PDB file of N, CA and C in Angstrom:
ATOM      1  N   MET A   1      41.528   9.173 -13.417  1.00  0.00           N
ATOM      2  CA  MET A   1      41.244   9.535 -12.287  1.00  0.00           C
ATOM      3  C   MET A   1      40.949  10.982 -12.240  1.00  0.00           C
ATOM      4  N   ARG A   2      39.852  11.376 -11.475  1.00  0.00           N
ATOM      5  CA  ARG A   2      39.713  12.492 -11.224  1.00  0.00           C
ATOM      6  C   ARG A   2      40.154  12.872 -10.586  1.00  0.00           C
ATOM      7  N   ARG A   3      40.515  14.544 -10.309  1.00  0.00           N
ATOM      8  CA  ARG A   3      41.466  15.079  -9.140  1.00  0.00           C
ATOM      9  C   ARG A   3      40.396  14.747  -7.851  1.00  0.00           C
ATOM     10  N   GLY A   4      41.271  15.012  -6.801  1.00  0.00           N
ATOM     11  CA  GLY A   4      40.398  15.079  -5.310  1.00  0.00           C
ATOM     12  C   GLY A   4      40.203  13.605  -4.843  1.00  0.00           C
ATOM     13  N   VAL A   5      39.486  12.225  -5.989  1.00  0.00           N
ATOM     14  CA  VAL A   5      39.219  11.389  -5.535  1.00  0.00           C
ATOM     15  C   VAL A   5      40.893  10.609  -4.927  1.00  0.00           C
ATOM     16  N   ARG A   6      41.773  10.335  -5.672  1.00  0.00           N
ATOM     17  CA  ARG A   6      43.172  10.034  -5.424  1.00  0.00           C
ATOM     18  C   ARG A   6      43.326  10.187  -4.077  1.00  0.00           C
ATOM     19  N   HIS A   7      43.345  11.651  -3.762  1.00  0.00           N
ATOM     20  CA  HIS A   7      43.894  12.074  -2.613  1.00  0.00           C
ATOM     21  C   HIS A   7      42.577  11.996  -1.384  1.00  0.00           C
ATOM     22  N   GLY A   8      41.511  11.139  -1.588  1.00  0.00           N
ATOM     23  CA  GLY A   8      40.612  11.512  -0.756  1.00  0.00           C
ATOM     24  C   GLY A   8      40.832  11.190   0.706  1.00  0.00           C
ATOM     25  N   GLY A   9      41.944  10.143   0.647  1.00  0.00           N
ATOM     26  CA  GLY A   9      42.548   9.711   2.194  1.00  0.00           C
ATOM     27  C   GLY A   9      43.199  10.713   2.988  1.00  0.00           C
ATOM     28  N   ARG A  10      43.884  11.642   2.323  1.00  0.00           N
ATOM     29  CA  ARG A  10      44.710  12.468   2.876  1.00  0.00           C
ATOM     30  C   ARG A  10      43.312  13.744   2.998  1.00  0.00           C
ATOM     31  N   ALA A  11      42.452  13.936   2.216  1.00  0.00           N
ATOM     32  CA  ALA A  11      41.173  14.857   2.883  1.00  0.00           C
ATOM     33  C   ALA A  11      40.700  14.506   4.126  1.00  0.00           C
ATOM     34  N   ARG A  12      40.490  13.366   4.105  1.00  0.00           N
ATOM     35  CA  ARG A  12      39.853  12.922   5.231  1.00  0.00           C
ATOM     36  C   ARG A  12      40.514  12.993   6.684  1.00  0.00           C
ATOM     37  N   ALA A  13      42.057  12.577   6.499  1.00  0.00           N
ATOM     38  CA  ALA A  13      43.132  12.829   7.379  1.00  0.00           C
ATOM     39  C   ALA A  13      43.017  14.281   8.114  1.00  0.00           C
ATOM     40  N   LEU A  14      43.325  15.282   6.723  1.00  0.00           N
ATOM     41  CA  LEU A  14      43.424  16.735   7.119  1.00  0.00           C
ATOM     42  C   LEU A  14      42.062  17.154   7.776  1.00  0.00           C
ATOM     43  N   TYR A  15      40.917  16.631   7.746  1.00  0.00           N
ATOM     44  CA  TYR A  15      39.400  17.080   8.076  1.00  0.00           C
ATOM     45  C   TYR A  15      39.475  16.303   9.607  1.00  0.00           C
ATOM     46  N   ARG A  16      40.214  15.518   9.922  1.00  0.00           N
ATOM     47  CA  ARG A  16      40.119  14.688  11.341  1.00  0.00           C
ATOM     48  C   ARG A  16      40.940  15.629  12.166  1.00  0.00           C
ATOM     49  N   TYR A  17      42.322  16.148  11.456  1.00  0.00           N
ATOM     50  CA  TYR A  17      43.270  16.749  12.137  1.00  0.00           C
ATOM     51  C   TYR A  17      42.607  18.000  12.736  1.00  0.00           C
ATOM     52  N   LEU A  18      41.629  18.683  11.789  1.00  0.00           N
ATOM     53  CA  LEU A  18      41.227  19.888  11.837  1.00  0.00           C
ATOM     54  C   LEU A  18      40.188  19.811  12.655  1.00  0.00           C
ATOM     55  N   THR A  19      39.552  19.056  13.076  1.00  0.00           N
ATOM     56  CA  THR A  19      38.382  19.079  13.433  1.00  0.00           C
ATOM     57  C   THR A  19      38.773  18.306  15.008  1.00  0.00           C
ATOM     58  N   GLU A  20      39.374  17.146  15.180  1.00  0.00           N
ATOM     59  CA  GLU A  20      39.642  16.624  16.237  1.00  0.00           C
ATOM     60  C   GLU A  20      40.919  16.998  17.048  1.00  0.00           C
ATOM     61  N   SER A  21      41.662  17.366  16.479  1.00  0.00           N
ATOM     62  CA  SER A  21      42.774  17.943  17.214  1.00  0.00           C
ATOM     63  C   SER A  21      43.271  19.548  17.594  1.00  0.00           C
ATOM     64  N   LEU A  22      42.920  19.887  16.437  1.00  0.00           N
ATOM     65  CA  LEU A  22      42.804  21.437  16.478  1.00  0.00           C
ATOM     66  C   LEU A  22      41.590  22.165  16.948  1.00  0.00           C
ATOM     67  N   GLY A  23      40.790  21.516  16.501  1.00  0.00           N
ATOM     68  CA  GLY A  23      39.482  21.919  17.131  1.00  0.00           C
ATOM     69  C   GLY A  23      38.860  21.817  18.404  1.00  0.00           C
ATOM     70  N   ALA A  24      39.906  20.641  18.955  1.00  0.00           N
ATOM     71  CA  ALA A  24      39.983  20.543  20.627  1.00  0.00           C
ATOM     72  C   ALA A  24      40.352  21.317  21.329  1.00  0.00           C
ATOM     73  N   LEU A  25      41.287  22.150  21.076  1.00  0.00           N
ATOM     74  CA  LEU A  25      41.772  23.165  21.690  1.00  0.00           C
ATOM     75  C   LEU A  25      41.299  24.393  21.913  1.00  0.00           C
ATOM     76  N   PRO A  26      41.264  24.492  23.210  1.00  0.00           N
ATOM     77  CA  PRO A  26      39.972  25.851  23.550  1.00  0.00           C
ATOM     78  C   PRO A  26      40.181  27.114  23.126  1.00  0.00           C
ATOM     79  N   ALA A  27      41.383  27.411  23.081  1.00  0.00           N
ATOM     80  CA  ALA A  27      41.985  28.658  22.191  1.00  0.00           C
ATOM     81  C   ALA A  27      41.601  28.554  20.674  1.00  0.00           C
ATOM     82  N   ILE A  28      41.196  27.422  20.138  1.00  0.00           N
ATOM     83  CA  ILE A  28      40.795  27.872  18.571  1.00  0.00           C
ATOM     84  C   ILE A  28      39.248  27.817  18.814  1.00  0.00           C
ATOM     85  N   GLY A  29      38.790  28.875  18.142  1.00  0.00           N
ATOM     86  CA  GLY A  29      37.336  29.192  18.304  1.00  0.00           C
ATOM     87  C   GLY A  29      37.005  28.852  16.284  1.00  0.00           C
ATOM     88  N   ARG A  30      37.840  29.001  15.708  1.00  0.00           N
ATOM     89  CA  ARG A  30      37.409  28.989  13.898  1.00  0.00           C
ATOM     90  C   ARG A  30      38.824  28.446  13.582  1.00  0.00           C
ATOM     91  N   ILE A  31      38.453  27.849  12.188  1.00  0.00           N
ATOM     92  CA  ILE A  31      39.618  27.039  11.439  1.00  0.00           C
ATOM     93  C   ILE A  31      39.128  27.544  10.058  1.00  0.00           C
ATOM     94  N   GLU A  32      39.847  27.926   9.027  1.00  0.00           N
ATOM     95  CA  GLU A  32      39.368  27.950   7.793  1.00  0.00           C
ATOM     96  C   GLU A  32      40.846  27.239   6.915  1.00  0.00           C
ATOM     97  N   THR A  33      40.309  26.839   5.896  1.00  0.00           N
ATOM     98  CA  THR A  33      41.486  26.026   5.008  1.00  0.00           C
ATOM     99  C   THR A  33      41.039  26.548   3.435  1.00  0.00           C
ATOM    100  N   ALA A  34      41.898  26.584   2.672  1.00  0.00           N
ATOM    101  CA  ALA A  34      41.917  26.675   1.336  1.00  0.00           C
ATOM    102  C   ALA A  34      42.725  25.560   0.551  1.00  0.00           C
ATOM    103  N   PRO A  35      41.976  25.001  -0.653  1.00  0.00           N
ATOM    104  CA  PRO A  35      42.906  24.236  -1.447  1.00  0.00           C
ATOM    105  C   PRO A  35      43.748  24.706  -2.336  1.00  0.00           C
ATOM    106  N   ILE A  36      44.890  24.119  -2.386  1.00  0.00           N
ATOM    107  CA  ILE A  36      45.943  24.707  -3.442  1.00  0.00           C
ATOM    108  C   ILE A  36      45.362  24.373  -5.303  1.00  0.00           C
ATOM    109  N   ILE A  37      45.170  25.307  -5.598  1.00  0.00           N
ATOM    110  CA  ILE A  37      44.472  25.322  -7.011  1.00  0.00           C
ATOM    111  C   ILE A  37      45.753  24.924  -8.232  1.00  0.00           C
ATOM    112  N   ARG A  38      46.757  25.862  -7.587  1.00  0.00           N
ATOM    113  CA  ARG A  38      47.977  25.579  -8.820  1.00  0.00           C
ATOM    114  C   ARG A  38      49.003  25.847  -8.209  1.00  0.00           C
ATOM    115  N   THR A  39      50.459  25.142  -8.447  1.00  0.00           N
ATOM    116  CA  THR A  39      51.430  25.265  -7.676  1.00  0.00           C
ATOM    117  C   THR A  39      52.255  26.152  -8.894  1.00  0.00           C
ATOM    118  N   VAL A  40      52.811  27.198  -8.290  1.00  0.00           N
ATOM    119  CA  VAL A  40      53.292  28.076  -9.104  1.00  0.00           C
ATOM    120  C   VAL A  40      55.474  27.514  -9.593  1.00  0.00           C
ATOM    121  N   LYS A  41      55.527  27.535  -8.344  1.00  0.00           N
ATOM    122  CA  LYS A  41      57.118  27.158  -8.681  1.00  0.00           C
ATOM    123  C   LYS A  41      57.231  25.793  -7.718  1.00  0.00           C
ATOM    124  N   ARG A  42      58.183  24.795  -8.613  1.00  0.00           N
ATOM    125  CA  ARG A  42      58.255  23.634  -8.195  1.00  0.00           C
ATOM    126  C   ARG A  42      59.527  22.845  -9.127  1.00  0.00           C
ATOM    127  N   PHE A  43      60.104  22.143  -8.227  1.00  0.00           N
ATOM    128  CA  PHE A  43      61.534  21.080  -8.956  1.00  0.00           C
ATOM    129  C   PHE A  43      60.755  20.133  -9.686  1.00  0.00           C
ATOM    130  N   GLY A  44      61.776  20.363 -11.279  1.00  0.00           N
ATOM    131  CA  GLY A  44      61.337  19.195 -12.178  1.00  0.00           C
ATOM    132  C   GLY A  44      60.545  20.047 -13.232  1.00  0.00           C
ATOM    133  N   ALA A  45      60.506  19.327 -14.628  1.00  0.00           N
ATOM    134  CA  ALA A  45      59.832  19.728 -15.900  1.00  0.00           C
ATOM    135  C   ALA A  45      58.213  20.106 -15.213  1.00  0.00           C
ATOM    136  N   VAL A  46      57.816  21.358 -16.139  1.00  0.00           N
ATOM    137  CA  VAL A  46      56.656  21.832 -16.151  1.00  0.00           C
ATOM    138  C   VAL A  46      55.805  21.334 -17.263  1.00  0.00           C
ATOM    139  N   LEU A  47      54.761  20.447 -16.844  1.00  0.00           N
ATOM    140  CA  LEU A  47      54.048  19.871 -17.897  1.00  0.00           C
ATOM    141  C   LEU A  47      52.745  21.052 -18.477  1.00  0.00           C
ATOM    142  N   PRO A  48      52.592  20.837 -19.784  1.00  0.00           N
ATOM    143  CA  PRO A  48      51.639  21.872 -20.442  1.00  0.00           C
ATOM    144  C   PRO A  48      50.243  21.636 -19.812  1.00  0.00           C
ATOM    145  N   LEU A  49      49.397  22.666 -19.861  1.00  0.00           N
ATOM    146  CA  LEU A  49      48.100  22.214 -19.353  1.00  0.00           C
ATOM    147  C   LEU A  49      47.115  21.828 -20.238  1.00  0.00           C
TER     148      LEU A  49
END
């Protein structure tokens, strides 16, 4: 499965939250987001790349 495809529902939910919930607030004029490319620290075994 390609990356991004399996999390498509989460991406749509995030977009709706940013545009409809936060974007509807009068004090918010601009919102920027960035994807997490790599997790540096985490709990558990590290898989080879």
